[in-house]
Amino acid sequence: IGQPLAVSTETFVTPDAEPAPLPAEEIEAEHDASPLVDDKKDQV
């Protein structure tokens, strides 16, 4: 019972970040389209 609730909460907390386990291709595309992600990578 606790697991599904946790998953739902995560989805609601960050719907834009990761709505679902997307394939690597989709993730890479999002990284390319998101300058914020690149900035974070640069800082690290």
PDB file of N, CA and C in Angstrom:
ATOM      1  N   ILE A   1       0.853  -1.203   0.000  1.00  0.00           N
ATOM      2  CA  ILE A   1       0.000   0.000   0.000  1.00  0.00           C
ATOM      3  C   ILE A   1       0.886   1.251   0.000  1.00  0.00           C
ATOM      4  N   GLY A   2       1.990   1.213   0.735  1.00  0.00           N
ATOM      5  CA  GLY A   2       2.852   2.394   0.835  1.00  0.00           C
ATOM      6  C   GLY A   2       3.578   2.682  -0.464  1.00  0.00           C
ATOM      7  N   GLN A   3       3.955   1.640  -1.185  1.00  0.00           N
ATOM      8  CA  GLN A   3       4.738   1.866  -2.409  1.00  0.00           C
ATOM      9  C   GLN A   3       3.969   2.691  -3.436  1.00  0.00           C
ATOM     10  N   PRO A   4       2.760   2.284  -3.825  1.00  0.00           N
ATOM     11  CA  PRO A   4       2.029   3.058  -4.848  1.00  0.00           C
ATOM     12  C   PRO A   4       1.825   4.509  -4.408  1.00  0.00           C
ATOM     13  N   LEU A   5       1.573   4.730  -3.136  1.00  0.00           N
ATOM     14  CA  LEU A   5       1.388   6.098  -2.651  1.00  0.00           C
ATOM     15  C   LEU A   5       2.660   6.901  -2.863  1.00  0.00           C
ATOM     16  N   ALA A   6       3.804   6.303  -2.529  1.00  0.00           N
ATOM     17  CA  ALA A   6       5.076   7.008  -2.692  1.00  0.00           C
ATOM     18  C   ALA A   6       5.287   7.365  -4.161  1.00  0.00           C
ATOM     19  N   VAL A   7       4.994   6.432  -5.045  1.00  0.00           N
ATOM     20  CA  VAL A   7       5.190   6.691  -6.478  1.00  0.00           C
ATOM     21  C   VAL A   7       4.288   7.842  -6.910  1.00  0.00           C
ATOM     22  N   SER A   8       3.046   7.827  -6.479  1.00  0.00           N
ATOM     23  CA  SER A   8       2.119   8.893  -6.869  1.00  0.00           C
ATOM     24  C   SER A   8       2.632  10.238  -6.350  1.00  0.00           C
ATOM     25  N   THR A   9       3.105  10.259  -5.130  1.00  0.00           N
ATOM     26  CA  THR A   9       3.612  11.504  -4.553  1.00  0.00           C
ATOM     27  C   THR A   9       4.773  12.021  -5.388  1.00  0.00           C
ATOM     28  N   GLU A  10       5.695  11.136  -5.737  1.00  0.00           N
ATOM     29  CA  GLU A  10       6.856  11.577  -6.528  1.00  0.00           C
ATOM     30  C   GLU A  10       6.384  12.177  -7.847  1.00  0.00           C
ATOM     31  N   THR A  11       5.433  11.515  -8.502  1.00  0.00           N
ATOM     32  CA  THR A  11       4.946  12.011  -9.789  1.00  0.00           C
ATOM     33  C   THR A  11       4.351  13.410  -9.611  1.00  0.00           C
ATOM     34  N   PHE A  12       3.658  13.633  -8.493  1.00  0.00           N
ATOM     35  CA  PHE A  12       3.046  14.941  -8.271  1.00  0.00           C
ATOM     36  C   PHE A  12       4.103  15.981  -7.895  1.00  0.00           C
ATOM     37  N   VAL A  13       5.121  15.556  -7.183  1.00  0.00           N
ATOM     38  CA  VAL A  13       6.157  16.498  -6.743  1.00  0.00           C
ATOM     39  C   VAL A  13       6.908  17.030  -7.954  1.00  0.00           C
ATOM     40  N   THR A  14       7.309  16.139  -8.872  1.00  0.00           N
ATOM     41  CA  THR A  14       8.085  16.582 -10.041  1.00  0.00           C
ATOM     42  C   THR A  14       7.477  16.025 -11.324  1.00  0.00           C
ATOM     43  N   PRO A  15       6.367  16.622 -11.764  1.00  0.00           N
ATOM     44  CA  PRO A  15       5.731  16.149 -13.002  1.00  0.00           C
ATOM     45  C   PRO A  15       6.553  16.524 -14.230  1.00  0.00           C
ATOM     46  N   ASP A  16       7.198  17.685 -14.179  1.00  0.00           N
ATOM     47  CA  ASP A  16       7.980  18.132 -15.344  1.00  0.00           C
ATOM     48  C   ASP A  16       9.338  17.440 -15.398  1.00  0.00           C
ATOM     49  N   ALA A  17       9.914  17.193 -14.233  1.00  0.00           N
ATOM     50  CA  ALA A  17      11.255  16.602 -14.195  1.00  0.00           C
ATOM     51  C   ALA A  17      11.236  15.202 -14.805  1.00  0.00           C
ATOM     52  N   GLU A  18      10.414  14.312 -14.242  1.00  0.00           N
ATOM     53  CA  GLU A  18      10.369  12.942 -14.758  1.00  0.00           C
ATOM     54  C   GLU A  18       8.985  12.351 -14.537  1.00  0.00           C
ATOM     55  N   PRO A  19       8.077  12.541 -15.499  1.00  0.00           N
ATOM     56  CA  PRO A  19       6.714  12.027 -15.359  1.00  0.00           C
ATOM     57  C   PRO A  19       6.681  10.507 -15.391  1.00  0.00           C
ATOM     58  N   ALA A  20       7.663   9.877 -16.027  1.00  0.00           N
ATOM     59  CA  ALA A  20       7.696   8.412 -16.116  1.00  0.00           C
ATOM     60  C   ALA A  20       9.083   7.965 -16.549  1.00  0.00           C
ATOM     61  N   PRO A  21       9.398   6.698 -16.329  1.00  0.00           N
ATOM     62  CA  PRO A  21      10.708   6.175 -16.755  1.00  0.00           C
ATOM     63  C   PRO A  21      10.861   6.254 -18.263  1.00  0.00           C
ATOM     64  N   LEU A  22      11.400   7.366 -18.760  1.00  0.00           N
ATOM     65  CA  LEU A  22      11.545   7.544 -20.205  1.00  0.00           C
ATOM     66  C   LEU A  22      12.818   6.878 -20.702  1.00  0.00           C
ATOM     67  N   PRO A  23      12.839   6.525 -21.961  1.00  0.00           N
ATOM     68  CA  PRO A  23      14.040   5.932 -22.561  1.00  0.00           C
ATOM     69  C   PRO A  23      15.184   6.936 -22.600  1.00  0.00           C
ATOM     70  N   ALA A  24      16.401   6.443 -22.754  1.00  0.00           N
ATOM     71  CA  ALA A  24      17.583   7.320 -22.744  1.00  0.00           C
ATOM     72  C   ALA A  24      17.442   8.393 -23.818  1.00  0.00           C
ATOM     73  N   GLU A  25      16.920   8.026 -24.973  1.00  0.00           N
ATOM     74  CA  GLU A  25      16.792   9.003 -26.071  1.00  0.00           C
ATOM     75  C   GLU A  25      15.956  10.200 -25.622  1.00  0.00           C
ATOM     76  N   GLU A  26      14.811   9.928 -24.978  1.00  0.00           N
ATOM     77  CA  GLU A  26      13.949  11.036 -24.545  1.00  0.00           C
ATOM     78  C   GLU A  26      14.683  11.896 -23.513  1.00  0.00           C
ATOM     79  N   ILE A  27      15.355  11.253 -22.580  1.00  0.00           N
ATOM     80  CA  ILE A  27      16.075  12.003 -21.546  1.00  0.00           C
ATOM     81  C   ILE A  27      17.132  12.888 -22.197  1.00  0.00           C
ATOM     82  N   GLU A  28      17.884  12.330 -23.130  1.00  0.00           N
ATOM     83  CA  GLU A  28      18.925  13.126 -23.809  1.00  0.00           C
ATOM     84  C   GLU A  28      18.286  14.317 -24.515  1.00  0.00           C
ATOM     85  N   ALA A  29      17.161  14.101 -25.174  1.00  0.00           N
ATOM     86  CA  ALA A  29      16.488  15.187 -25.886  1.00  0.00           C
ATOM     87  C   ALA A  29      16.100  16.280 -24.890  1.00  0.00           C
ATOM     88  N   GLU A  30      15.559  15.885 -23.743  1.00  0.00           N
ATOM     89  CA  GLU A  30      15.165  16.879 -22.742  1.00  0.00           C
ATOM     90  C   GLU A  30      16.389  17.657 -22.266  1.00  0.00           C
ATOM     91  N   HIS A  31      17.498  16.968 -22.040  1.00  0.00           N
ATOM     92  CA  HIS A  31      18.718  17.647 -21.584  1.00  0.00           C
ATOM     93  C   HIS A  31      19.155  18.677 -22.624  1.00  0.00           C
ATOM     94  N   ASP A  32      19.083  18.292 -23.899  1.00  0.00           N
ATOM     95  CA  ASP A  32      19.493  19.227 -24.960  1.00  0.00           C
ATOM     96  C   ASP A  32      18.566  20.442 -24.979  1.00  0.00           C
ATOM     97  N   ALA A  33      17.280  20.224 -24.717  1.00  0.00           N
ATOM     98  CA  ALA A  33      16.309  21.311 -24.791  1.00  0.00           C
ATOM     99  C   ALA A  33      16.328  22.151 -23.510  1.00  0.00           C
ATOM    100  N   SER A  34      16.901  21.622 -22.429  1.00  0.00           N
ATOM    101  CA  SER A  34      16.897  22.347 -21.154  1.00  0.00           C
ATOM    102  C   SER A  34      18.269  22.949 -20.873  1.00  0.00           C
ATOM    103  N   PRO A  35      18.413  24.272 -21.024  1.00  0.00           N
ATOM    104  CA  PRO A  35      19.699  24.923 -20.720  1.00  0.00           C
ATOM    105  C   PRO A  35      20.024  24.839 -19.234  1.00  0.00           C
ATOM    106  N   LEU A  36      18.993  24.750 -18.390  1.00  0.00           N
ATOM    107  CA  LEU A  36      19.231  24.663 -16.946  1.00  0.00           C
ATOM    108  C   LEU A  36      20.037  23.411 -16.633  1.00  0.00           C
ATOM    109  N   VAL A  37      19.707  22.319 -17.282  1.00  0.00           N
ATOM    110  CA  VAL A  37      20.426  21.068 -17.030  1.00  0.00           C
ATOM    111  C   VAL A  37      21.894  21.245 -17.394  1.00  0.00           C
ATOM    112  N   ASP A  38      22.152  21.895 -18.536  1.00  0.00           N
ATOM    113  CA  ASP A  38      23.543  22.115 -18.951  1.00  0.00           C
ATOM    114  C   ASP A  38      24.266  22.982 -17.917  1.00  0.00           C
ATOM    115  N   ASP A  39      23.575  24.022 -17.431  1.00  0.00           N
ATOM    116  CA  ASP A  39      24.205  24.896 -16.440  1.00  0.00           C
ATOM    117  C   ASP A  39      24.596  24.087 -15.203  1.00  0.00           C
ATOM    118  N   LYS A  40      23.682  23.229 -14.745  1.00  0.00           N
ATOM    119  CA  LYS A  40      23.981  22.423 -13.560  1.00  0.00           C
ATOM    120  C   LYS A  40      25.196  21.542 -13.830  1.00  0.00           C
ATOM    121  N   LYS A  41      25.228  20.941 -14.999  1.00  0.00           N
ATOM    122  CA  LYS A  41      26.368  20.068 -15.337  1.00  0.00           C
ATOM    123  C   LYS A  41      27.659  20.885 -15.297  1.00  0.00           C
ATOM    124  N   ASP A  42      27.612  22.107 -15.821  1.00  0.00           N
ATOM    125  CA  ASP A  42      28.813  22.949 -15.839  1.00  0.00           C
ATOM    126  C   ASP A  42      29.282  23.222 -14.408  1.00  0.00           C
ATOM    127  N   GLN A  43      28.340  23.570 -13.539  1.00  0.00           N
ATOM    128  CA  GLN A  43      28.699  23.875 -12.152  1.00  0.00           C
ATOM    129  C   GLN A  43      29.366  22.668 -11.502  1.00  0.00           C
ATOM    130  N   VAL A  44      28.805  21.495 -11.718  1.00  0.00           N
ATOM    131  CA  VAL A  44      29.367  20.280 -11.102  1.00  0.00           C
ATOM    132  C   VAL A  44      30.727  20.013 -11.735  1.00  0.00           C
TER     133      VAL A  44
END
